[in-house]
């Protein structure tokens, strides 16, 4: 689970985390392009380790921003 803002200021604290399975995004309170980049990096690192990673409980604002940047399919976000 990721909580609070996922933005330029908070992304560095998550860079060392290794995620797998299903990660809830329900408690994200703010997201910017740096936060979206982190989600992409999380997927990339999981794939490199050979593990599956998915996002659940994706807020509508996160879905819209990912769609705006054309990466909702890469992230596997479903409406």
N, C-alpha and C. Protein backbone atom coordinates (compact mmCIF):
# COMPACT_ATOMS: atom_id res chain seq x y z
N UNK A 1 0.84 -1.18 0.00
CA UNK A 1 0.00 0.00 0.00
C UNK A 1 0.89 1.25 0.00
N UNK A 2 0.49 2.20 -0.79
CA UNK A 2 1.16 3.50 -0.81
C UNK A 2 0.18 4.50 -0.23
N UNK A 3 0.65 5.31 0.71
CA UNK A 3 -0.24 6.26 1.37
C UNK A 3 0.26 7.69 1.19
N UNK A 4 -0.68 8.62 1.20
CA UNK A 4 -0.35 10.03 1.14
C UNK A 4 -0.01 10.48 -0.27
N UNK A 5 0.71 11.58 -0.37
CA UNK A 5 1.06 12.09 -1.68
C UNK A 5 2.11 11.22 -2.36
N UNK A 6 1.97 11.07 -3.65
CA UNK A 6 2.98 10.40 -4.46
C UNK A 6 3.41 11.42 -5.50
N UNK A 7 4.39 12.23 -5.10
CA UNK A 7 4.81 13.35 -5.93
C UNK A 7 6.33 13.50 -5.88
N UNK A 8 6.82 14.55 -6.50
CA UNK A 8 8.26 14.77 -6.61
C UNK A 8 8.96 14.71 -5.25
N UNK A 9 8.33 15.23 -4.23
CA UNK A 9 8.95 15.27 -2.90
C UNK A 9 8.95 13.90 -2.22
N UNK A 10 7.92 13.08 -2.48
CA UNK A 10 7.80 11.82 -1.75
C UNK A 10 8.35 10.61 -2.49
N UNK A 11 8.54 10.72 -3.79
CA UNK A 11 9.00 9.56 -4.58
C UNK A 11 10.32 8.97 -4.07
N UNK A 12 11.32 9.78 -3.72
CA UNK A 12 12.60 9.18 -3.30
C UNK A 12 12.49 8.18 -2.14
N UNK A 13 11.54 8.37 -1.25
CA UNK A 13 11.42 7.45 -0.12
C UNK A 13 10.94 6.06 -0.56
N UNK A 14 10.40 5.94 -1.76
CA UNK A 14 9.89 4.66 -2.25
C UNK A 14 10.82 3.97 -3.23
N UNK A 15 11.90 4.62 -3.65
CA UNK A 15 12.74 4.07 -4.70
C UNK A 15 13.42 2.76 -4.32
N UNK A 16 13.72 2.54 -3.08
CA UNK A 16 14.39 1.31 -2.68
C UNK A 16 13.45 0.16 -2.39
N UNK A 17 12.15 0.41 -2.40
CA UNK A 17 11.18 -0.63 -2.08
C UNK A 17 11.07 -1.65 -3.21
N UNK A 18 10.91 -2.91 -2.85
CA UNK A 18 10.65 -3.96 -3.84
C UNK A 18 9.22 -4.42 -3.68
N UNK A 19 8.43 -4.20 -4.70
CA UNK A 19 7.01 -4.49 -4.65
C UNK A 19 6.70 -5.74 -5.46
N UNK A 20 5.67 -6.45 -5.05
CA UNK A 20 5.17 -7.57 -5.84
C UNK A 20 3.73 -7.83 -5.45
N UNK A 21 3.06 -8.59 -6.26
CA UNK A 21 1.65 -8.89 -5.98
C UNK A 21 0.76 -7.72 -6.33
N UNK A 22 -0.20 -7.47 -5.49
CA UNK A 22 -1.17 -6.40 -5.70
C UNK A 22 -0.90 -5.25 -4.73
N UNK A 23 -0.72 -4.06 -5.27
CA UNK A 23 -0.46 -2.88 -4.46
C UNK A 23 -1.67 -1.95 -4.54
N UNK A 24 -2.23 -1.64 -3.40
CA UNK A 24 -3.38 -0.75 -3.35
C UNK A 24 -2.93 0.71 -3.49
N UNK A 25 -3.63 1.42 -4.34
CA UNK A 25 -3.38 2.86 -4.52
C UNK A 25 -4.50 3.69 -3.90
N UNK A 26 -5.36 3.06 -3.13
CA UNK A 26 -6.55 3.72 -2.58
C UNK A 26 -6.22 4.91 -1.70
N UNK A 27 -5.07 4.89 -1.03
CA UNK A 27 -4.75 5.94 -0.07
C UNK A 27 -3.80 7.00 -0.62
N UNK A 28 -3.66 7.07 -1.94
CA UNK A 28 -2.88 8.15 -2.54
C UNK A 28 -3.72 9.41 -2.49
N UNK A 29 -3.16 10.46 -1.91
CA UNK A 29 -3.91 11.72 -1.77
C UNK A 29 -3.55 12.73 -2.84
N UNK A 30 -2.40 12.55 -3.49
CA UNK A 30 -1.95 13.46 -4.54
C UNK A 30 -1.01 12.70 -5.44
N UNK A 31 -1.06 12.97 -6.73
CA UNK A 31 -0.18 12.31 -7.69
C UNK A 31 0.24 13.31 -8.75
N UNK A 32 1.52 13.29 -9.09
CA UNK A 32 2.00 14.11 -10.20
C UNK A 32 2.79 13.21 -11.15
N UNK A 33 3.45 13.80 -12.14
CA UNK A 33 4.17 13.00 -13.13
C UNK A 33 5.31 12.20 -12.49
N UNK A 34 5.89 12.69 -11.42
CA UNK A 34 6.94 11.94 -10.72
C UNK A 34 6.33 10.69 -10.08
N UNK A 35 5.13 10.81 -9.55
CA UNK A 35 4.45 9.66 -8.98
C UNK A 35 4.13 8.62 -10.04
N UNK A 36 3.68 9.07 -11.21
CA UNK A 36 3.42 8.13 -12.31
C UNK A 36 4.71 7.46 -12.74
N UNK A 37 5.80 8.21 -12.77
CA UNK A 37 7.10 7.62 -13.13
C UNK A 37 7.49 6.55 -12.13
N UNK A 38 7.20 6.77 -10.86
CA UNK A 38 7.50 5.76 -9.85
C UNK A 38 6.69 4.49 -10.11
N UNK A 39 5.42 4.63 -10.44
CA UNK A 39 4.62 3.45 -10.73
C UNK A 39 5.19 2.67 -11.91
N UNK A 40 5.64 3.38 -12.94
CA UNK A 40 6.29 2.72 -14.08
C UNK A 40 7.57 2.01 -13.64
N UNK A 41 8.36 2.65 -12.81
CA UNK A 41 9.60 2.06 -12.33
C UNK A 41 9.34 0.83 -11.47
N UNK A 42 8.29 0.89 -10.67
CA UNK A 42 7.91 -0.26 -9.86
C UNK A 42 7.60 -1.46 -10.75
N UNK A 43 6.84 -1.22 -11.83
CA UNK A 43 6.50 -2.30 -12.77
C UNK A 43 7.76 -2.82 -13.44
N UNK A 44 8.65 -1.92 -13.85
CA UNK A 44 9.89 -2.33 -14.53
C UNK A 44 10.75 -3.20 -13.62
N UNK A 45 10.91 -2.78 -12.38
CA UNK A 45 11.75 -3.53 -11.44
C UNK A 45 11.14 -4.90 -11.11
N UNK A 46 9.83 -4.94 -10.97
CA UNK A 46 9.18 -6.22 -10.69
C UNK A 46 9.38 -7.17 -11.86
N UNK A 47 9.21 -6.68 -13.07
CA UNK A 47 9.40 -7.50 -14.26
C UNK A 47 10.83 -8.01 -14.34
N UNK A 48 11.79 -7.14 -14.03
CA UNK A 48 13.21 -7.54 -14.06
C UNK A 48 13.51 -8.64 -13.05
N UNK A 49 12.77 -8.65 -11.93
CA UNK A 49 12.96 -9.69 -10.91
C UNK A 49 12.12 -10.92 -11.20
N UNK A 50 11.29 -10.85 -12.24
CA UNK A 50 10.47 -11.98 -12.62
C UNK A 50 9.24 -12.17 -11.75
N UNK A 51 8.77 -11.09 -11.14
CA UNK A 51 7.57 -11.18 -10.31
C UNK A 51 6.46 -10.31 -10.91
N UNK A 52 5.25 -10.67 -10.58
CA UNK A 52 4.10 -9.92 -11.06
C UNK A 52 3.80 -8.76 -10.11
N UNK A 53 3.36 -7.67 -10.68
CA UNK A 53 2.96 -6.51 -9.89
C UNK A 53 1.73 -5.91 -10.53
N UNK A 54 0.72 -5.69 -9.72
CA UNK A 54 -0.50 -5.06 -10.19
C UNK A 54 -0.94 -3.99 -9.22
N UNK A 55 -1.76 -3.08 -9.70
CA UNK A 55 -2.28 -2.00 -8.87
C UNK A 55 -3.77 -2.17 -8.70
N UNK A 56 -4.24 -2.06 -7.46
CA UNK A 56 -5.66 -2.20 -7.17
C UNK A 56 -6.18 -0.91 -6.55
N UNK A 57 -7.49 -0.80 -6.49
CA UNK A 57 -8.16 0.34 -5.88
C UNK A 57 -7.56 1.66 -6.38
N UNK A 58 -7.48 1.76 -7.69
CA UNK A 58 -6.87 2.92 -8.33
C UNK A 58 -7.87 4.07 -8.34
N UNK A 59 -7.53 5.19 -7.69
CA UNK A 59 -8.43 6.34 -7.70
C UNK A 59 -8.67 6.86 -9.12
N UNK A 60 -9.83 7.40 -9.35
CA UNK A 60 -10.18 7.91 -10.66
C UNK A 60 -9.19 8.97 -11.14
N UNK A 61 -8.72 9.82 -10.25
CA UNK A 61 -7.75 10.86 -10.64
C UNK A 61 -6.45 10.24 -11.14
N UNK A 62 -6.03 9.15 -10.54
CA UNK A 62 -4.82 8.45 -10.98
C UNK A 62 -5.05 7.84 -12.36
N UNK A 63 -6.21 7.23 -12.54
CA UNK A 63 -6.55 6.66 -13.85
C UNK A 63 -6.55 7.72 -14.94
N UNK A 64 -7.15 8.86 -14.65
CA UNK A 64 -7.23 9.94 -15.64
C UNK A 64 -5.85 10.47 -16.00
N UNK A 65 -5.00 10.65 -15.01
CA UNK A 65 -3.65 11.16 -15.29
C UNK A 65 -2.86 10.15 -16.12
N UNK A 66 -2.98 8.87 -15.79
CA UNK A 66 -2.28 7.83 -16.55
C UNK A 66 -2.80 7.78 -17.99
N UNK A 67 -4.10 7.94 -18.16
CA UNK A 67 -4.66 7.98 -19.50
C UNK A 67 -4.17 9.20 -20.27
N UNK A 68 -4.10 10.33 -19.59
CA UNK A 68 -3.62 11.56 -20.22
C UNK A 68 -2.21 11.37 -20.78
N UNK A 69 -1.36 10.69 -20.03
CA UNK A 69 0.02 10.46 -20.46
C UNK A 69 0.17 9.21 -21.33
N UNK A 70 -0.92 8.49 -21.54
CA UNK A 70 -0.91 7.33 -22.42
C UNK A 70 -0.22 6.10 -21.84
N UNK A 71 -0.24 5.97 -20.51
CA UNK A 71 0.47 4.85 -19.90
C UNK A 71 -0.44 3.94 -19.08
N UNK A 72 -1.73 4.12 -19.16
CA UNK A 72 -2.63 3.28 -18.34
C UNK A 72 -2.51 1.81 -18.74
N UNK A 73 -2.31 1.53 -20.03
CA UNK A 73 -2.13 0.15 -20.46
C UNK A 73 -0.83 -0.46 -19.94
N UNK A 74 0.23 0.31 -19.96
CA UNK A 74 1.52 -0.16 -19.45
C UNK A 74 1.42 -0.48 -17.96
N UNK A 75 0.71 0.38 -17.23
CA UNK A 75 0.54 0.18 -15.80
C UNK A 75 -0.47 -0.91 -15.48
N UNK A 76 -1.28 -1.29 -16.47
CA UNK A 76 -2.29 -2.30 -16.25
C UNK A 76 -3.48 -1.79 -15.46
N UNK A 77 -3.77 -0.50 -15.58
CA UNK A 77 -4.89 0.09 -14.86
C UNK A 77 -6.17 -0.19 -15.61
N UNK A 78 -7.13 -0.68 -14.89
CA UNK A 78 -8.44 -0.98 -15.49
C UNK A 78 -9.47 -0.06 -14.87
N UNK A 79 -10.41 0.34 -15.68
CA UNK A 79 -11.48 1.20 -15.18
C UNK A 79 -12.59 0.38 -14.62
